[in-house]
Amino acid sequence: MSGRNVQEKNADGKKKFSLNKHDIRTRLIVLIMISIITPLAVFGFFSYKKSYELLENKLLVTSQQTIDATQYYVNQFINTMESQLLAITENKNIKDALSTDAAVESNAREVLDATQKSNPDALGVYIGLANGNTYIYPEQELPEGYDPRARQWYKDALENSGEVVVSEPYVDAFTQKMVITLSKTVNDSAGNLTGVAAMDIDISNISSKVSKLSIGKNGYVSLASSEGITIVNPEEELIGTEKIKELEFWDNVSSNEKGNQKYEYAGKQKFMAFSTDSDTGWKIIASMDVDELLTDTNVIKKFAIGAIIFGLIAAVAIALLIANNVAKPIAEGVGYLRRMAAGDFTSEISRESLERQDELGEIAKAIDKLQEDLKSLLGNIVQSTYTVGDSAAALADISNQSTHAAEEVARTVEEISRGAEEQAGDTERGSTKMLHISHMMEEISSKAADMTQISRSTGELAEKGIEIVKDLTDKNELSSKASGEVDSIVNKVAKDVAGIGAILETIVSIAEQTNLLALNANIEAARAGEHGRGFAVVAEEVRKLSEESSKSAEEIRGIIQQIQGSTAEAIVAMEKADSASKQQSSSVGQTNEVFTTISKALGNLAGYINEMQKDIAGMNVQKEEMEGLMQNIASSAQQSSAATEEVSAAMEEQLASMEELSSNAQNLESLSEELKVQVGRFKI
């Protein structure tokens, strides 16, 4: 799997770690190996390069020393030849060689002969006179028509009058040897040109001497003229030729006094250094194979490669040791965090990791502390969850009880309303009866004869009035009693709602604590980084549930406040209804007294029939009072009916609020159960 150490089992069944390019163990191994091998490789490379440069410089020094030795020998050789030539040109007999004196000619020939015999390298010593004659030793027959003045050596001497001129090397036609010609003008005592003295010098001694010089094991020295004629070279077939011009370094050699260059010859890489002889212009070239230089540097290269290989082995061993020491506790910590992310908080970090005194030990201690804190946090959340569940259940029970109580109150108020309506009807009928009494009282004067019959009718009506009043009294008592019960129930509902409010505050406090704990858990999960992402999701869910609980609690609080408001209004309305009921009771009592009086009056009507006329006026007054009382009773009955309707409407609103409260309590209980399920995934 990417980014992890893959554990495999070897033949012994033991677990081993295989390298994975994404895990820290592999990266540590690679980095340590690079940090060790790179300096070794750089050191080896620069050591090899520096040694190559040193050897190359040493070769240059050695080559230059060889070149200098060669140049010194060549200069000594040429200078010796020049000295003899100068001795010839300064000899008086040679200067006077144009003289016709036979003795002078003989002496001049003797000088040439002695010089040639004293110098074994001199193949020939001669003088070409200005008159075209030639003296040469050893003597030899010259071609017919031979004129020295037409020869190049004669012309070069004339062009460089007073100086010794060294010719380009050439192969002597008689001896087949490589020779050079030294020539110089000869002047008589008067300064006139006598001719040009010359010497043919065999340079095979130079070749022999230079050929013995070596540079390194296989290096050699070559000698070439400024015109590219090879004088000395291990390859004899090149001597006397101009094939050296075909080599790639010749342009550099011919155009510079000294220098060095690498070139390829016969399929091999070679290295050369050269210098120019100031007297002859000859090019002294020291050459050697590059492989010979590389042979010495290969020792250093092999040593560097061996050091790198040894460093590689040491780097692997050190890297494995360090990587295992670092990666093992990290892998343990990662596995520990993964188990925590999966909800398992029962495992423990090894004592070895906790007792480490480095940063990894600090990480292990921090992870261990995180687990303990999370276990404590989850324990509190579990306890809070059960507390919220119990509170939600209790709130649901209270809501149900309040709903039932509200329904009972509503039914009672409805019965009171019906009683008030009946009371209003009875009052209306009483008013009608009083109206009849009024008409009867008005007809008493004109219908005295019918007084007895009317008295009986009035007695019956009085008895009915007493019964009605008695019935009204009973109903009024029932109404008062019902109003008292309603008032008691409303007060109880107010107390219950206050209790619900206290429980709700507890729920809000728990939700706030739960939200705070969820935020803390989220922060700790964020600190854990990628490994705390799973726990962060759970913490976020807990926080959302807590916020929803707080929101529901706020809604319930609003509902409770509405219920408390409605309950307060109901209490005020009940107080008004109770006052009206007391007034009604007073009126009913007065009505009862009136009817009692009427009944007594009718009982004594027979005795007071003669006094009827006198009492009619008083009865009219009482009739008017009775009408006012009946109106008051009717008004009180209407007010009582309206009040009971208001109470009934308030109780319906309260009932609806209690039903909504019950629904929210059930939702809170359901959320609590869901929170229990979510928290139950963790093992603590």
Foldseek 3Di string as FASTA:
>chain_A
DAQDFDWDADPVRDTDTDDHPNYPLNVLLVVLLCVLLVVLVVVLVVVLVVLLVVLVVVLVVLQVVLQVVLLVVVCVVVVVVVVLQVVLLPDQLNQCCVDPDPVSVVVNLVSQQVSPVVDVQFPKKKWQFPVQDMRMPPDDDDDPPHGCCPDPLQVVQVVVAPDWAKAFWAQDPPPRATWIKIKYWHHHPVRHTGTMIMTTGRCVVSQVVQQPDARQDHKGKWKHALQQATCHDPPVVSHRHNCVCVFPCVVVQNVDQWDKDWGDDPRFIKIKIWHANPPGRMIMIIMDGVVSSVVVSVVSSVVSVVVSVVSSVVSSVVSNVVSCVPSVLVSQLLVQLLCVLQQELPDARDPVLCPDPDVSVVVNVVSRVLSVVVVVLLVLLLVLLVVLLVLLVVLLVLLVVLLVLLVVLLVLLVVLLVLLVVLLVLLVVVLVVLVVVLVVLVCCVVPVVCVLVVLVVLLVVLVVLLVSLVVSLVSLVVSLVSLVVSLVSLVVSLVSLVVNLVSLVVQLVSLVVQLVSLVVLLVVLVVVPPSSPSVNVLSVVSNVLSVVSNVLSVVLVVLSVVLNVLSVVLNVLSVVLNVLSVVLSVLSVVSNVVSVVSNVCSVCCVVCSVVVVVCSVVVSVVSVVVSVSSVSNSVSSVSNSVSSVSSSVSSVSSSVSSVVSSVSSVVSSVSSVVSSVSSVSHDD
